[in-house]
C-alpha atoms as a PDB file:
ATOM      1  CA  MET A   1      11.624   0.441  11.814  1.00  0.00           C
ATOM      2  CA  GLN A   2      12.585  -2.878  12.334  1.00  0.00           C
ATOM      3  CA  LYS A   3      14.145  -5.628   9.627  1.00  0.00           C
ATOM      4  CA  ARG A   4      14.117  -9.585  10.272  1.00  0.00           C
ATOM      5  CA  LEU A   5      15.796 -11.710   7.853  1.00  0.00           C
ATOM      6  CA  ILE A   6      13.280 -14.115   6.372  1.00  0.00           C
ATOM      7  CA  VAL A   7      15.445 -15.150   3.571  1.00  0.00           C
ATOM      8  CA  ASN A   8      19.431 -15.373   3.750  1.00  0.00           C
ATOM      9  CA  HIS A   9      21.722 -15.222   0.587  1.00  0.00           C
ATOM     10  CA  GLN A  10      22.174 -19.321   1.203  1.00  0.00           C
ATOM     11  CA  LEU A  11      18.749 -19.839   1.041  1.00  0.00           C
ATOM     12  CA  LEU A  12      17.621 -17.200  -1.756  1.00  0.00           C
ATOM     13  CA  GLU A  13      20.254 -19.461  -3.998  1.00  0.00           C
ATOM     14  CA  ILE A  14      18.954 -22.468  -2.616  1.00  0.00           C
ATOM     15  CA  MET A  15      15.246 -21.247  -3.479  1.00  0.00           C
ATOM     16  CA  VAL A  16      16.238 -19.708  -7.303  1.00  0.00           C
ATOM     17  CA  MET A  17      17.922 -23.268  -7.840  1.00  0.00           C
ATOM     18  CA  ARG A  18      14.736 -25.056  -6.571  1.00  0.00           C
ATOM     19  CA  LEU A  19      12.551 -22.533  -9.220  1.00  0.00           C
ATOM     20  CA  CYS A  20      14.748 -23.324 -11.806  1.00  0.00           C
ATOM     21  CA  HIS A  21      14.398 -27.262 -11.511  1.00  0.00           C
ATOM     22  CA  GLN A  22      11.041 -26.622 -11.019  1.00  0.00           C
ATOM     23  CA  LEU A  23      10.507 -24.767 -14.075  1.00  0.00           C
ATOM     24  CA  ILE A  24      12.666 -27.355 -16.124  1.00  0.00           C
ATOM     25  CA  GLU A  25      10.219 -29.810 -14.785  1.00  0.00           C
ATOM     26  CA  ASN A  26       7.163 -28.223 -16.403  1.00  0.00           C
ATOM     27  CA  HIS A  27       9.182 -26.684 -19.791  1.00  0.00           C
ATOM     28  CA  GLY A  28      11.594 -28.990 -20.815  1.00  0.00           C
ATOM     29  CA  ASN A  29      14.246 -27.425 -22.977  1.00  0.00           C
ATOM     30  CA  PHE A  30      11.923 -24.052 -23.202  1.00  0.00           C
ATOM     31  CA  SER A  31      11.500 -24.463 -26.645  1.00  0.00           C
ATOM     32  CA  ASP A  32       8.509 -22.576 -26.488  1.00  0.00           C
ATOM     33  CA  SER A  33       8.445 -20.882 -23.505  1.00  0.00           C
ATOM     34  CA  VAL A  34       9.815 -17.317 -22.638  1.00  0.00           C
ATOM     35  CA  ILE A  35      10.250 -15.470 -19.305  1.00  0.00           C
ATOM     36  CA  ILE A  36       9.304 -12.033 -18.447  1.00  0.00           C
ATOM     37  CA  GLY A  37      10.062  -9.820 -15.678  1.00  0.00           C
ATOM     38  CA  LEU A  38       8.015  -7.292 -14.414  1.00  0.00           C
ATOM     39  CA  GLN A  39       9.635  -4.232 -13.834  1.00  0.00           C
ATOM     40  CA  PRO A  40      11.411  -2.756 -12.008  1.00  0.00           C
ATOM     41  CA  ARG A  41      11.994  -5.457  -9.150  1.00  0.00           C
ATOM     42  CA  GLY A  42      10.688  -8.695 -11.362  1.00  0.00           C
ATOM     43  CA  ARG A  43      13.725  -8.037 -13.748  1.00  0.00           C
ATOM     44  CA  GLN A  44      16.362  -8.983 -11.457  1.00  0.00           C
ATOM     45  CA  VAL A  45      14.567 -11.944 -10.669  1.00  0.00           C
ATOM     46  CA  ALA A  46      14.051 -12.855 -13.777  1.00  0.00           C
ATOM     47  CA  GLN A  47      18.070 -12.142 -15.078  1.00  0.00           C
ATOM     48  CA  ARG A  48      19.018 -14.442 -11.907  1.00  0.00           C
ATOM     49  CA  LEU A  49      16.730 -17.271 -13.585  1.00  0.00           C
ATOM     50  CA  GLN A  50      17.885 -17.185 -17.119  1.00  0.00           C
ATOM     51  CA  SER A  51      21.436 -17.048 -16.333  1.00  0.00           C
ATOM     52  CA  THR A  52      21.002 -20.189 -13.955  1.00  0.00           C
ATOM     53  CA  LEU A  53      18.852 -21.995 -16.039  1.00  0.00           C
ATOM     54  CA  ALA A  54      21.466 -21.201 -18.731  1.00  0.00           C
ATOM     55  CA  SER A  55      24.068 -22.810 -16.667  1.00  0.00           C
ATOM     56  CA  ILE A  56      21.778 -25.930 -15.874  1.00  0.00           C
ATOM     57  CA  LEU A  57      20.450 -26.237 -19.519  1.00  0.00           C
ATOM     58  CA  GLY A  58      23.825 -24.612 -21.696  1.00  0.00           C
ATOM     59  CA  THR A  59      20.835 -22.859 -23.643  1.00  0.00           C
ATOM     60  CA  THR A  60      19.925 -19.287 -23.341  1.00  0.00           C
ATOM     61  CA  ILE A  61      16.071 -18.918 -22.756  1.00  0.00           C
ATOM     62  CA  PRO A  62      14.550 -15.674 -24.229  1.00  0.00           C
ATOM     63  CA  THR A  63      14.002 -13.490 -21.302  1.00  0.00           C
ATOM     64  CA  GLY A  64      12.724  -9.415 -21.313  1.00  0.00           C
ATOM     65  CA  TYR A  65      11.290  -7.560 -18.795  1.00  0.00           C
ATOM     66  CA  LEU A  66       7.984  -5.584 -19.238  1.00  0.00           C
ATOM     67  CA  ASP A  67       6.610  -1.865 -17.942  1.00  0.00           C
ATOM     68  CA  THR A  68       3.033  -2.328 -16.448  1.00  0.00           C
ATOM     69  CA  THR A  69       3.167   1.754 -15.429  1.00  0.00           C
ATOM     70  CA  PHE A  70       0.174   2.651 -17.758  1.00  0.00           C
ATOM     71  CA  HIS A  71      -1.432  -0.387 -17.224  1.00  0.00           C
ATOM     72  CA  ARG A  72      -1.879   0.184 -13.496  1.00  0.00           C
ATOM     73  CA  ASP A  73      -5.363   0.590 -12.051  1.00  0.00           C
ATOM     74  CA  ASP A  74      -4.235   3.508  -9.971  1.00  0.00           C
ATOM     75  CA  PHE A  75      -2.045   5.452 -12.467  1.00  0.00           C
ATOM     76  CA  ARG A  76      -4.655   8.300 -12.418  1.00  0.00           C
ATOM     77  CA  ARG A  77      -5.293   8.692  -8.352  1.00  0.00           C
ATOM     78  CA  ARG A  78      -1.875   9.511  -7.820  1.00  0.00           C
ATOM     79  CA  GLU A  79      -0.987  13.426  -7.268  1.00  0.00           C
ATOM     80  CA  THR A  80       2.480  13.272  -8.870  1.00  0.00           C
ATOM     81  CA  PRO A  81       2.670  11.260 -12.136  1.00  0.00           C
ATOM     82  CA  LEU A  82       4.402   7.660 -12.224  1.00  0.00           C
ATOM     83  CA  ALA A  83       7.779   7.249 -13.680  1.00  0.00           C
ATOM     84  CA  ALA A  84       7.498   4.752 -16.323  1.00  0.00           C
ATOM     85  CA  ASN A  85      10.246   2.026 -16.659  1.00  0.00           C
ATOM     86  CA  ALA A  86      11.638   0.520 -19.953  1.00  0.00           C
ATOM     87  CA  THR A  87       9.999  -2.475 -21.472  1.00  0.00           C
ATOM     88  CA  HIS A  88      12.500  -4.947 -23.285  1.00  0.00           C
ATOM     89  CA  ILE A  89      10.834  -8.005 -24.939  1.00  0.00           C
ATOM     90  CA  ASP A  90      12.795  -8.610 -28.663  1.00  0.00           C
ATOM     91  CA  PHE A  91      10.538 -11.513 -29.156  1.00  0.00           C
ATOM     92  CA  LEU A  92       6.951 -12.662 -29.928  1.00  0.00           C
ATOM     93  CA  ILE A  93       5.118 -14.375 -27.279  1.00  0.00           C
ATOM     94  CA  GLU A  94       2.095 -15.181 -29.579  1.00  0.00           C
ATOM     95  CA  GLY A  95       1.480 -19.052 -28.981  1.00  0.00           C
ATOM     96  CA  LYS A  96       4.540 -18.981 -26.267  1.00  0.00           C
ATOM     97  CA  ARG A  97       4.210 -20.084 -23.018  1.00  0.00           C
ATOM     98  CA  VAL A  98       5.185 -17.051 -20.623  1.00  0.00           C
ATOM     99  CA  ILE A  99       6.239 -17.025 -17.195  1.00  0.00           C
ATOM    100  CA  LEU A 100       5.631 -13.837 -15.403  1.00  0.00           C
ATOM    101  CA  VAL A 101       8.436 -13.314 -12.895  1.00  0.00           C
ATOM    102  CA  ASP A 102       7.989 -10.597  -9.965  1.00  0.00           C
ATOM    103  CA  ASP A 103       9.921 -10.542  -6.473  1.00  0.00           C
ATOM    104  CA  VAL A 104       6.765  -9.960  -4.190  1.00  0.00           C
ATOM    105  CA  LEU A 105       3.258 -10.748  -4.793  1.00  0.00           C
ATOM    106  CA  TYR A 106       0.733  -8.491  -2.660  1.00  0.00           C
ATOM    107  CA  THR A 107      -2.538  -7.316  -3.502  1.00  0.00           C
ATOM    108  CA  GLY A 108      -2.474  -9.010  -7.502  1.00  0.00           C
ATOM    109  CA  ARG A 109      -2.753  -5.503  -9.077  1.00  0.00           C
ATOM    110  CA  SER A 110       0.601  -5.700 -10.683  1.00  0.00           C
ATOM    111  CA  VAL A 111       0.037  -8.759 -12.153  1.00  0.00           C
ATOM    112  CA  ARG A 112      -3.053  -7.736 -13.552  1.00  0.00           C
ATOM    113  CA  ALA A 113      -1.439  -4.705 -14.895  1.00  0.00           C
ATOM    114  CA  ALA A 114       1.435  -7.074 -16.294  1.00  0.00           C
ATOM    115  CA  MET A 115      -1.531  -9.266 -18.395  1.00  0.00           C
ATOM    116  CA  ASP A 116      -2.942  -6.182 -19.908  1.00  0.00           C
ATOM    117  CA  ALA A 117       0.726  -4.990 -20.987  1.00  0.00           C
ATOM    118  CA  MET A 118       1.640  -8.216 -22.226  1.00  0.00           C
ATOM    119  CA  ILE A 119      -1.119  -8.837 -24.900  1.00  0.00           C
ATOM    120  CA  SER A 120       0.600  -5.864 -26.940  1.00  0.00           C
ATOM    121  CA  PHE A 121       3.077  -8.505 -27.791  1.00  0.00           C
ATOM    122  CA  GLY A 122       0.829 -11.533 -28.516  1.00  0.00           C
ATOM    123  CA  ARG A 123      -1.189 -13.733 -27.556  1.00  0.00           C
ATOM    124  CA  PRO A 124       0.456 -16.179 -25.250  1.00  0.00           C
ATOM    125  CA  ALA A 125      -0.681 -20.173 -25.389  1.00  0.00           C
ATOM    126  CA  ASN A 126      -0.440 -20.014 -21.548  1.00  0.00           C
ATOM    127  CA  VAL A 127       0.450 -17.282 -18.832  1.00  0.00           C
ATOM    128  CA  GLU A 128       2.721 -18.516 -15.345  1.00  0.00           C
ATOM    129  CA  LEU A 129       3.286 -16.775 -12.253  1.00  0.00           C
ATOM    130  CA  LEU A 130       6.751 -17.122 -10.360  1.00  0.00           C
ATOM    131  CA  VAL A 131       7.193 -15.202  -7.449  1.00  0.00           C
ATOM    132  CA  LEU A 132       9.761 -15.211  -5.038  1.00  0.00           C
ATOM    133  CA  ILE A 133       7.537 -14.498  -1.812  1.00  0.00           C
ATOM    134  CA  ASP A 134       4.080 -15.015  -1.540  1.00  0.00           C
ATOM    135  CA  ARG A 135       2.463 -12.775   0.690  1.00  0.00           C
ATOM    136  CA  LEU A 136      -0.403 -14.510   2.125  1.00  0.00           C
ATOM    137  CA  TYR A 137      -3.982 -13.242   3.094  1.00  0.00           C
ATOM    138  CA  SER A 138      -3.182  -9.819   1.443  1.00  0.00           C
ATOM    139  CA  ARG A 139      -4.890 -10.511  -2.293  1.00  0.00           C
ATOM    140  CA  HIS A 140      -7.171  -7.978  -3.794  1.00  0.00           C
ATOM    141  CA  LEU A 141      -7.632  -9.938  -6.810  1.00  0.00           C
ATOM    142  CA  PRO A 142      -8.087 -13.650  -7.635  1.00  0.00           C
ATOM    143  CA  ILE A 143      -4.342 -14.135  -8.802  1.00  0.00           C
ATOM    144  CA  GLU A 144      -2.173 -17.083  -7.281  1.00  0.00           C
ATOM    145  CA  PRO A 145       1.582 -17.829  -7.960  1.00  0.00           C
ATOM    146  CA  THR A 146       2.253 -21.220 -10.097  1.00  0.00           C
ATOM    147  CA  TYR A 147       5.980 -20.916  -8.470  1.00  0.00           C
ATOM    148  CA  VAL A 148       6.746 -19.847  -5.273  1.00  0.00           C
ATOM    149  CA  GLY A 149       9.888 -19.498  -3.169  1.00  0.00           C
ATOM    150  CA  ARG A 150       8.579 -18.998   0.097  1.00  0.00           C
ATOM    151  CA  ARG A 151       4.930 -18.155   1.575  1.00  0.00           C
ATOM    152  CA  VAL A 152       5.076 -15.530   4.097  1.00  0.00           C
ATOM    153  CA  ASN A 153       2.519 -14.255   6.539  1.00  0.00           C
ATOM    154  CA  SER A 154       2.616 -10.518   6.769  1.00  0.00           C
ATOM    155  CA  LEU A 155       0.595  -7.466   8.343  1.00  0.00           C
ATOM    156  CA  GLN A 156      -0.875  -4.890   5.811  1.00  0.00           C
ATOM    157  CA  SER A 157       1.767  -2.434   7.787  1.00  0.00           C
ATOM    158  CA  GLN A 158       4.842  -3.977   6.916  1.00  0.00           C
ATOM    159  CA  ARG A 159       6.516  -4.960   3.522  1.00  0.00           C
ATOM    160  CA  VAL A 160       8.954  -7.271   1.927  1.00  0.00           C
ATOM    161  CA  LEU A 161      12.387  -6.016   1.121  1.00  0.00           C
ATOM    162  CA  VAL A 162      14.153  -8.185  -1.363  1.00  0.00           C
ATOM    163  CA  GLU A 163      17.881  -6.736  -1.678  1.00  0.00           C
ATOM    164  CA  TRP A 164      20.124  -7.592  -4.632  1.00  0.00           C
ATOM    165  CA  SER A 165      24.445  -7.576  -4.332  1.00  0.00           C
ATOM    166  CA  GLY A 166      25.891  -5.079  -5.870  1.00  0.00           C
ATOM    167  CA  GLN A 167      22.302  -2.639  -4.788  1.00  0.00           C
ATOM    168  CA  GLU A 168      23.978  -1.027  -1.891  1.00  0.00           C
ATOM    169  CA  THR A 169      24.567  -4.507  -0.057  1.00  0.00           C
ATOM    170  CA  GLN A 170      27.314  -7.009   0.592  1.00  0.00           C
ATOM    171  CA  GLU A 171      24.879 -10.157  -0.047  1.00  0.00           C
ATOM    172  CA  ASP A 172      21.231 -11.233  -1.758  1.00  0.00           C
ATOM    173  CA  ASN A 173      18.703 -11.137   1.399  1.00  0.00           C
ATOM    174  CA  ILE A 174      15.041 -10.581   1.931  1.00  0.00           C
ATOM    175  CA  TRP A 175      13.545  -8.915   4.877  1.00  0.00           C
ATOM    176  CA  LEU A 176      10.606  -8.298   6.582  1.00  0.00           C
ATOM    177  CA  VAL A 177      10.162  -4.714   7.240  1.00  0.00           C
ATOM    178  CA  THR A 178       8.172  -3.305   9.980  1.00  0.00           C
ATOM    179  CA  LYS A 179       7.544   0.107  10.553  1.00  0.00           C
ATOM    180  CA  ASN A 180       7.936   1.542  14.345  1.00  0.00           C
ATOM    181  CA  GLU A 181       4.519   2.839  15.580  1.00  0.00           C
ATOM    182  CA  GLU A 182       4.952   6.384  16.789  1.00  0.00           C
END
């Protein structure tokens, strides 16, 4: 397995700050906006955005996380059942501007499942998508992010690994992982 560093911890910090400033440009004081991270990996991104926005704006933005397990189109196609993650949304999204957050956008299927799952909490005024990494040329559905940290060309055999400090690593990093052909 080969790992190539595509975003180091310093650049990731800059990307998060830039994304926060783009959100502030479009959402102002977030009076009618909420952040929802897609479980499991979008949760860390949403928490990082929330804490950075709180330090910039001096206010807390409603942030939750959403499990899409039972809304996935491949849910019944697996030999072993998928393990569900927790959903925690303690606010209504009816009429709100929702920012869906995930770490990597690949085929778009997770985002489609999130849109289905999100409707259980109300009908939003509009929905935007924020991702740290947009894997280009890999979409199965016509879904495009509104906010992007970085766009990456990758092969289908590769995957993008986002590491957060404290999760078996010392620093936040994003890697492009290639399995060795055997």
